[in-house]
């Protein structure tokens, strides 16, 4: 049976309904079928089918093809997109993953935990002396940026530039690249020069940071080239900061809408790990996940998608599949730990998952305990859910901080 022989719902990713409440639109489509049509290609909506799709090695990530769909066929954006680990396949991917995987272990993340705690405490100290704030601008943004710099090994005096670069780089993975091309390219060229200087510095004087580990990474005489090192650092900077920033924003919005869960976390910080998992399941910063292109005919759930098909395995939809998660639209930090798909699957499982989890586990119970009850202090404006990483632009809250 081929995919084209079944009547499927149409999912308008650019429609006002999807922009206003993407989870409601995804739920309606998911209840009709495991697959929906979109302007880009078939969308996979249910958990088991998304999981199976992510595991297929005959599917590759689009990389430069995604830019070509938006009219960009050459230039620095195509060059850098081609070098991202996410966009390499086969032996080339396996080699790179083997060389760098030891730099992203739980051990490496735990080594930087004290620094993450110190950054979170410093930012929280600045909030508790007030009775209102914007949790995105005054906590999530500086926290994500400073942790990224500490982990990678970026000097503190470069943080303002890093903020601009990472914000512009985040646009590279959305559906509006053409509109922002000049802006992204300018930041990319600046960032490349900055990273090249850092690589040269770490070769002369290594430190205890990610960049030094990647410079020293070697397996059987094989090591990363300077071009590969640059691509790895750009990849992590583009994904590591904005993803955490927006995931924290999602967390704050979810807890603001569910104050009983915030009180529960404040009373029982041992729920930190469960709360982090529930946040990324219930409201992921990457709702649509990463598209795939079929390099051969691909079968999913008995349906065959022909070679060249552009598929959208929507992980944010899979995370609310009622066939896997009980009462999936309920935000519950005591939920049984079913495995969500926010960090992807297969060979492209997110390298930064351990670091992202630790940041959520540290910050959420700390803020819940010290800020106390939160109440809305204004509207929450959102980025479009069609962006590769999206979340609230601001989360204004009022509170009476605890002593």
Protein backbone atom coordinates (compact mmCIF):
# COMPACT_ATOMS: atom_id res chain seq x y z
CA UNK A 1 0.00 0.00 0.00
CA UNK A 2 1.49 3.36 -0.92
CA UNK A 3 1.25 6.54 1.10
CA UNK A 4 -0.58 8.28 -1.73
CA UNK A 5 -3.51 5.82 -1.67
CA UNK A 6 -4.85 7.05 1.67
CA UNK A 7 -6.89 10.19 2.20
CA UNK A 8 -5.12 12.23 4.87
CA UNK A 9 -5.98 15.44 6.72
CA UNK A 10 -4.24 18.62 5.58
CA UNK A 11 -2.10 20.38 8.16
CA UNK A 12 -1.72 24.11 7.49
CA UNK A 13 1.50 24.94 9.32
CA UNK A 14 1.26 28.60 8.34
CA UNK A 15 -2.41 29.03 9.22
CA UNK A 16 -3.70 31.23 12.01
CA UNK A 17 -5.14 28.26 13.90
CA UNK A 18 -1.74 26.53 14.03
CA UNK A 19 -0.02 29.74 15.09
CA UNK A 20 -2.56 30.31 17.87
CA UNK A 21 -2.73 26.76 19.27
CA UNK A 22 -0.44 24.29 17.45
CA UNK A 23 -1.11 21.43 19.86
CA UNK A 24 -4.87 21.60 19.29
CA UNK A 25 -4.38 21.51 15.50
CA UNK A 26 -1.92 18.60 15.78
CA UNK A 27 -4.29 16.69 18.08
CA UNK A 28 -7.20 17.03 15.63
CA UNK A 29 -5.05 15.78 12.75
CA UNK A 30 -3.47 13.00 14.84
CA UNK A 31 -6.89 11.67 15.84
CA UNK A 32 -7.76 11.29 12.15
CA UNK A 33 -4.56 9.63 10.97
CA UNK A 34 -0.95 8.92 11.82
CA UNK A 35 -0.01 10.96 8.73
CA UNK A 36 -1.11 14.35 7.40
CA UNK A 37 -0.33 16.35 4.28
CA UNK A 38 1.42 19.72 4.49
CA UNK A 39 2.69 22.20 1.91
CA UNK A 40 6.19 20.78 2.52
CA UNK A 41 5.34 17.08 2.44
CA UNK A 42 3.76 14.33 4.56
CA UNK A 43 3.84 14.90 8.34
CA UNK A 44 4.16 11.90 10.66
CA UNK A 45 2.08 12.54 13.78
CA UNK A 46 1.86 9.52 16.08
CA UNK A 47 4.51 8.27 18.47
CA UNK A 48 5.31 4.82 17.08
CA UNK A 49 5.38 6.03 13.48
CA UNK A 50 7.57 9.02 14.36
CA UNK A 51 9.93 6.79 16.34
CA UNK A 52 10.15 4.35 13.42
CA UNK A 53 10.79 7.19 10.99
CA UNK A 54 13.63 8.63 13.08
CA UNK A 55 15.31 5.21 13.16
CA UNK A 56 15.37 4.85 9.35
CA UNK A 57 18.90 5.20 7.96
CA UNK A 58 17.50 5.54 4.44
CA UNK A 59 16.17 8.92 5.56
CA UNK A 60 18.60 11.82 5.77
CA UNK A 61 18.25 15.29 7.21
CA UNK A 62 17.71 17.90 4.47
CA UNK A 63 20.56 20.30 5.27
CA UNK A 64 21.24 22.42 2.16
CA UNK A 65 18.06 21.03 0.53
CA UNK A 66 16.08 22.91 3.17
CA UNK A 67 17.81 26.12 2.07
CA UNK A 68 17.28 25.30 -1.61
CA UNK A 69 13.54 25.03 -0.94
CA UNK A 70 13.75 28.66 0.16
CA UNK A 71 15.72 29.78 -2.90
CA UNK A 72 19.24 29.64 -1.41
CA UNK A 73 21.56 27.44 -3.47
CA UNK A 74 25.08 28.69 -2.64
CA UNK A 75 27.11 30.94 -0.37
CA UNK A 76 28.29 30.71 3.25
CA UNK A 77 24.94 29.50 4.58
CA UNK A 78 24.98 26.47 2.29
CA UNK A 79 28.64 25.83 3.18
CA UNK A 80 28.08 25.88 6.93
CA UNK A 81 24.81 23.94 6.73
CA UNK A 82 26.60 21.17 4.82
CA UNK A 83 29.18 20.86 7.61
CA UNK A 84 26.77 20.40 10.52
CA UNK A 85 26.91 16.96 12.14
CA UNK A 86 23.13 16.73 11.79
CA UNK A 87 23.51 16.95 8.01
CA UNK A 88 26.18 14.28 7.58
CA UNK A 89 25.29 10.66 6.98
CA UNK A 90 26.87 7.22 6.64
CA UNK A 91 30.58 6.64 7.42
CA UNK A 92 31.30 10.40 7.56
CA UNK A 93 28.68 10.85 10.30
CA UNK A 94 29.84 7.77 12.21
CA UNK A 95 33.44 9.03 12.18
CA UNK A 96 32.54 12.49 13.47
CA UNK A 97 30.19 11.14 16.12
CA UNK A 98 32.90 8.73 17.32
CA UNK A 99 35.43 11.55 17.64
CA UNK A 100 33.22 13.96 19.57
CA UNK A 101 30.84 11.79 21.60
CA UNK A 102 33.16 11.64 24.63
CA UNK A 103 33.00 15.42 24.91
CA UNK A 104 29.24 15.34 25.54
CA UNK A 105 29.00 12.62 28.19
CA UNK A 106 27.17 12.91 31.48
CA UNK A 107 30.60 12.98 33.14
CA UNK A 108 31.59 16.07 31.15
CA UNK A 109 28.29 17.75 31.99
CA UNK A 110 28.58 16.90 35.69
CA UNK A 111 32.03 18.48 35.74
CA UNK A 112 30.48 21.82 34.81
CA UNK A 113 27.46 21.47 37.15
CA UNK A 114 28.96 23.68 39.92
CA UNK A 115 29.42 26.47 37.39
CA UNK A 116 25.83 26.08 36.17
CA UNK A 117 24.56 26.23 39.76
CA UNK A 118 26.61 29.37 40.43
CA UNK A 119 25.24 31.13 37.35
CA UNK A 120 21.65 30.18 38.27
CA UNK A 121 22.11 31.36 41.86
CA UNK A 122 23.59 34.70 40.79
CA UNK A 123 20.70 35.40 38.43
CA UNK A 124 18.12 34.26 40.99
CA UNK A 125 19.68 36.51 43.65
CA UNK A 126 18.99 39.47 41.35
CA UNK A 127 15.32 38.47 41.05
CA UNK A 128 14.46 37.86 44.70
CA UNK A 129 15.05 41.52 45.63
CA UNK A 130 12.20 42.49 43.27
CA UNK A 131 8.53 41.64 43.06
CA UNK A 132 8.20 41.35 39.25
CA UNK A 133 10.38 40.51 36.29
CA UNK A 134 10.47 39.11 32.78
CA UNK A 135 11.70 35.54 33.28
CA UNK A 136 12.92 35.32 29.68
CA UNK A 137 14.91 38.56 29.53
CA UNK A 138 16.15 38.52 33.12
CA UNK A 139 16.80 34.81 33.62
CA UNK A 140 16.48 32.43 30.66
CA UNK A 141 18.40 34.54 28.15
CA UNK A 142 21.46 35.40 30.27
CA UNK A 143 21.47 31.95 31.88
CA UNK A 144 21.49 30.02 28.59
CA UNK A 145 24.14 32.29 27.08
CA UNK A 146 26.46 32.20 30.11
CA UNK A 147 26.22 28.42 30.50
CA UNK A 148 26.95 27.96 26.80
CA UNK A 149 30.03 30.17 27.06
CA UNK A 150 31.26 28.37 30.19
CA UNK A 151 30.78 24.92 28.65
CA UNK A 152 32.29 25.68 25.25
CA UNK A 153 35.10 27.88 26.56
CA UNK A 154 34.07 31.28 25.19
CA UNK A 155 35.54 34.30 27.01
CA UNK A 156 33.10 36.28 29.14
CA UNK A 157 33.88 39.51 27.29
CA UNK A 158 32.45 37.98 24.10
CA UNK A 159 29.03 37.21 25.56
CA UNK A 160 27.25 40.21 24.04
CA UNK A 161 28.47 39.24 20.58
CA UNK A 162 27.57 35.59 21.24
CA UNK A 163 24.00 36.62 22.07
CA UNK A 164 23.62 38.36 18.70
CA UNK A 165 25.34 35.58 16.77
CA UNK A 166 23.31 32.77 18.30
CA UNK A 167 20.03 34.66 17.80
CA UNK A 168 20.85 35.15 14.12
CA UNK A 169 22.06 31.56 13.69
CA UNK A 170 18.78 30.29 15.10
CA UNK A 171 17.04 31.79 12.06
CA UNK A 172 19.03 29.45 9.81
CA UNK A 173 16.85 26.49 10.80
CA UNK A 174 13.43 28.04 10.28
CA UNK A 175 11.19 28.72 7.30
CA UNK A 176 12.15 32.39 6.87
CA UNK A 177 15.86 32.10 5.98
CA UNK A 178 15.55 34.04 2.71
CA UNK A 179 14.06 37.04 4.50
CA UNK A 180 16.95 37.11 6.98
CA UNK A 181 19.77 35.91 4.70
CA UNK A 182 21.98 39.03 4.85
CA UNK A 183 21.65 39.22 8.63
CA UNK A 184 22.51 35.53 9.13
CA UNK A 185 25.44 35.64 6.70
CA UNK A 186 26.97 38.69 8.39
CA UNK A 187 26.82 37.04 11.80
CA UNK A 188 28.11 33.76 10.37
CA UNK A 189 31.21 35.39 8.91
CA UNK A 190 31.96 37.19 12.17
CA UNK A 191 31.46 34.01 14.17
CA UNK A 192 33.69 31.94 11.89
CA UNK A 193 36.58 34.37 12.34
CA UNK A 194 36.03 34.41 16.12
CA UNK A 195 36.01 30.60 16.35
CA UNK A 196 39.11 30.24 14.17
CA UNK A 197 40.99 32.53 16.57
CA UNK A 198 39.73 30.49 19.55
CA UNK A 199 40.82 27.21 17.96
CA UNK A 200 44.33 28.57 17.40
CA UNK A 201 44.42 29.77 21.01
CA UNK A 202 43.31 26.39 22.43
CA UNK A 203 45.93 24.57 20.36
CA UNK A 204 48.57 26.69 22.09
CA UNK A 205 46.98 26.83 25.54
CA UNK A 206 44.27 24.18 26.23
CA UNK A 207 41.79 24.65 29.10
CA UNK A 208 39.15 22.48 30.76
CA UNK A 209 36.38 23.21 28.25
CA UNK A 210 34.58 21.67 25.29
CA UNK A 211 36.68 23.41 22.66
CA UNK A 212 39.94 22.10 24.17
CA UNK A 213 38.49 18.57 24.32
CA UNK A 214 37.44 18.71 20.69
CA UNK A 215 40.84 20.05 19.65
CA UNK A 216 42.47 17.11 21.46
CA UNK A 217 39.94 14.48 20.31
CA UNK A 218 41.66 11.61 18.52
CA UNK A 219 40.83 8.01 17.65
CA UNK A 220 43.46 5.75 16.11
CA UNK A 221 45.37 8.73 14.80
CA UNK A 222 42.26 10.42 13.39
CA UNK A 223 41.36 13.92 14.58
CA UNK A 224 39.02 16.75 13.63
CA UNK A 225 40.22 19.23 11.04
CA UNK A 226 39.95 22.95 11.73
CA UNK A 227 36.96 23.12 9.36
CA UNK A 228 35.26 20.29 11.27
CA UNK A 229 36.07 21.91 14.60
CA UNK A 230 34.54 25.17 13.43
CA UNK A 231 31.41 23.40 12.21
CA UNK A 232 31.04 21.57 15.55
CA UNK A 233 31.31 24.74 17.61
CA UNK A 234 28.94 26.66 15.31
CA UNK A 235 26.49 23.76 15.55
CA UNK A 236 26.59 23.73 19.34
CA UNK A 237 26.36 27.50 19.62
CA UNK A 238 23.40 27.67 17.24
CA UNK A 239 21.53 24.87 19.01
CA UNK A 240 22.76 25.04 22.59
CA UNK A 241 21.82 28.56 23.60
CA UNK A 242 18.53 29.33 21.83
CA UNK A 243 17.13 25.87 22.53
CA UNK A 244 17.67 26.14 26.29
CA UNK A 245 16.50 29.77 26.35
CA UNK A 246 13.23 28.86 24.63
CA UNK A 247 12.79 25.62 26.57
CA UNK A 248 13.03 27.56 29.82
CA UNK A 249 10.49 30.03 28.41
CA UNK A 250 8.14 27.13 27.67
CA UNK A 251 8.67 25.83 31.20
CA UNK A 252 7.81 29.17 32.78
CA UNK A 253 4.68 29.52 30.64
CA UNK A 254 3.57 25.97 31.48
CA UNK A 255 4.09 26.40 35.21
CA UNK A 256 2.38 29.81 35.14
CA UNK A 257 -0.67 28.10 33.63
CA UNK A 258 -0.44 25.26 36.19
CA UNK A 259 0.42 26.93 39.53
CA UNK A 260 -0.28 23.74 41.50
CA UNK A 261 2.64 22.07 39.69
CA UNK A 262 4.93 25.01 40.59
CA UNK A 263 3.93 24.68 44.25
CA UNK A 264 4.55 20.93 44.09
CA UNK A 265 8.06 21.43 42.70
CA UNK A 266 8.85 24.08 45.32
CA UNK A 267 7.77 21.70 48.09
CA UNK A 268 9.58 18.67 46.66
CA UNK A 269 12.79 19.50 44.74
CA UNK A 270 13.41 15.76 44.27
CA UNK A 271 10.89 16.10 41.41
CA UNK A 272 13.45 18.16 39.44
CA UNK A 273 14.35 15.40 36.96
CA UNK A 274 10.70 14.43 36.40
CA UNK A 275 9.74 18.10 35.98
CA UNK A 276 12.45 18.61 33.36
CA UNK A 277 11.25 15.59 31.37
CA UNK A 278 7.63 16.67 31.56
CA UNK A 279 8.45 20.18 30.37
CA UNK A 280 10.27 18.97 27.26
CA UNK A 281 7.53 16.41 26.55
CA UNK A 282 4.57 18.70 27.09
CA UNK A 283 5.92 21.88 25.51
CA UNK A 284 9.15 21.33 23.51
CA UNK A 285 11.10 24.26 22.12
CA UNK A 286 11.48 22.32 18.87
CA UNK A 287 7.86 21.42 18.15
CA UNK A 288 8.24 20.20 14.57
CA UNK A 289 11.51 18.33 15.01
CA UNK A 290 13.92 17.84 12.10
CA UNK A 291 12.61 17.00 8.60
CA UNK A 292 13.91 14.01 6.62
CA UNK A 293 14.41 13.23 2.92
CA UNK A 294 14.06 9.67 1.63
CA UNK A 295 17.20 8.43 -0.16
CA UNK A 296 15.28 5.30 -1.21
CA UNK A 297 11.70 4.09 -1.01
CA UNK A 298 10.81 4.08 2.70
CA UNK A 299 8.09 2.07 4.43
CA UNK A 300 6.39 3.41 7.54
CA UNK A 301 3.37 1.67 9.07
CA UNK A 302 2.86 -0.35 5.90
CA UNK A 303 2.90 2.73 3.67
CA UNK A 304 5.64 3.37 1.13
CA UNK A 305 7.01 6.86 0.63
CA UNK A 306 8.97 7.05 -2.64
CA UNK A 307 12.57 8.11 -2.91
CA UNK A 308 12.91 11.88 -2.70
CA UNK A 309 9.92 12.31 -0.38
CA UNK A 310 10.22 15.16 2.14
CA UNK A 311 8.89 13.90 5.48
CA UNK A 312 8.13 15.78 8.69
CA UNK A 313 8.31 13.48 11.74
CA UNK A 314 6.69 15.89 14.21
CA UNK A 315 8.13 14.95 17.59
CA UNK A 316 6.00 17.52 19.43
CA UNK A 317 2.90 15.72 18.15
CA UNK A 318 4.28 12.27 19.04
CA UNK A 319 4.85 13.47 22.62
CA UNK A 320 1.09 13.91 23.05
CA UNK A 321 -0.04 10.66 21.47
CA UNK A 322 -2.81 9.22 23.67
CA UNK A 323 -1.81 5.69 22.60
CA UNK A 324 1.45 6.12 24.54
CA UNK A 325 0.90 8.87 27.13
CA UNK A 326 -2.03 8.78 29.56
CA UNK A 327 -4.02 12.03 29.45
CA UNK A 328 -1.31 13.53 27.21
CA UNK A 329 -2.56 17.12 27.27
CA UNK A 330 -2.24 17.27 31.06
CA UNK A 331 0.93 18.91 32.44
CA UNK A 332 1.96 16.67 35.34
CA UNK A 333 5.48 16.63 36.80
CA UNK A 334 4.72 13.40 38.69
CA UNK A 335 4.00 11.61 35.43
CA UNK A 336 5.45 8.15 34.87
CA UNK A 337 8.64 8.56 32.82
CA UNK A 338 7.54 7.37 29.38
CA UNK A 339 10.23 8.18 26.81
CA UNK A 340 9.43 11.33 24.85
CA UNK A 341 10.98 12.11 21.46
CA UNK A 342 11.97 15.74 21.96
CA UNK A 343 15.67 14.95 21.68
CA UNK A 344 15.11 12.95 18.50
CA UNK A 345 16.11 9.37 17.83
CA UNK A 346 18.30 7.13 15.75
CA UNK A 347 21.80 8.25 14.77
CA UNK A 348 20.89 11.94 15.13
CA UNK A 349 19.86 11.81 18.79
CA UNK A 350 20.72 15.20 20.33
CA UNK A 351 24.31 15.37 21.60
CA UNK A 352 23.43 18.17 24.01
CA UNK A 353 20.55 16.34 25.72
CA UNK A 354 22.47 15.72 28.97
CA UNK A 355 23.47 19.38 29.27
CA UNK A 356 19.95 20.60 28.52
CA UNK A 357 18.48 18.27 31.14
CA UNK A 358 20.92 19.41 33.83
CA UNK A 359 20.14 23.07 33.18
CA UNK A 360 16.41 22.48 33.61
CA UNK A 361 16.92 20.27 36.66
CA UNK A 362 18.99 22.97 38.37
CA UNK A 363 17.00 26.09 37.54
CA UNK A 364 13.35 25.05 37.87
CA UNK A 365 13.34 23.88 41.52
CA UNK A 366 15.64 26.75 42.50
CA UNK A 367 13.29 29.37 41.09
CA UNK A 368 10.20 27.62 42.44
CA UNK A 369 11.66 27.55 45.94
CA UNK A 370 12.99 31.10 46.00
CA UNK A 371 10.42 33.10 44.00
CA UNK A 372 7.36 31.40 45.45
CA UNK A 373 3.95 31.86 43.85
CA UNK A 374 3.97 33.37 40.35
CA UNK A 375 1.17 35.32 38.74
CA UNK A 376 0.94 36.78 35.21
CA UNK A 377 2.08 40.38 34.87
CA UNK A 378 1.21 40.90 31.22
CA UNK A 379 0.64 39.04 27.95
CA UNK A 380 3.07 36.38 26.71
CA UNK A 381 4.00 36.95 23.03
CA UNK A 382 5.28 33.92 21.11
CA UNK A 383 7.58 33.20 18.20
CA UNK A 384 5.90 31.35 15.30
CA UNK A 385 5.70 27.57 15.96
CA UNK A 386 7.06 26.95 12.43
CA UNK A 387 10.52 28.15 13.50
CA UNK A 388 13.03 25.39 14.21
CA UNK A 389 13.22 26.65 17.80
CA UNK A 390 10.32 28.64 19.17
CA UNK A 391 9.05 29.86 22.49
CA UNK A 392 7.76 32.92 24.36
CA UNK A 393 9.50 36.21 23.66
CA UNK A 394 8.79 37.28 27.22
CA UNK A 395 7.16 35.85 30.35
CA UNK A 396 6.32 38.79 32.64
CA UNK A 397 5.47 37.66 36.17
CA UNK A 398 4.83 39.07 39.60
CA UNK A 399 5.75 37.28 42.84
CA UNK A 400 6.59 37.68 46.50
CA UNK A 401 10.00 36.09 46.89
CA UNK A 402 10.63 33.89 49.89
CA UNK A 403 13.34 34.74 52.39
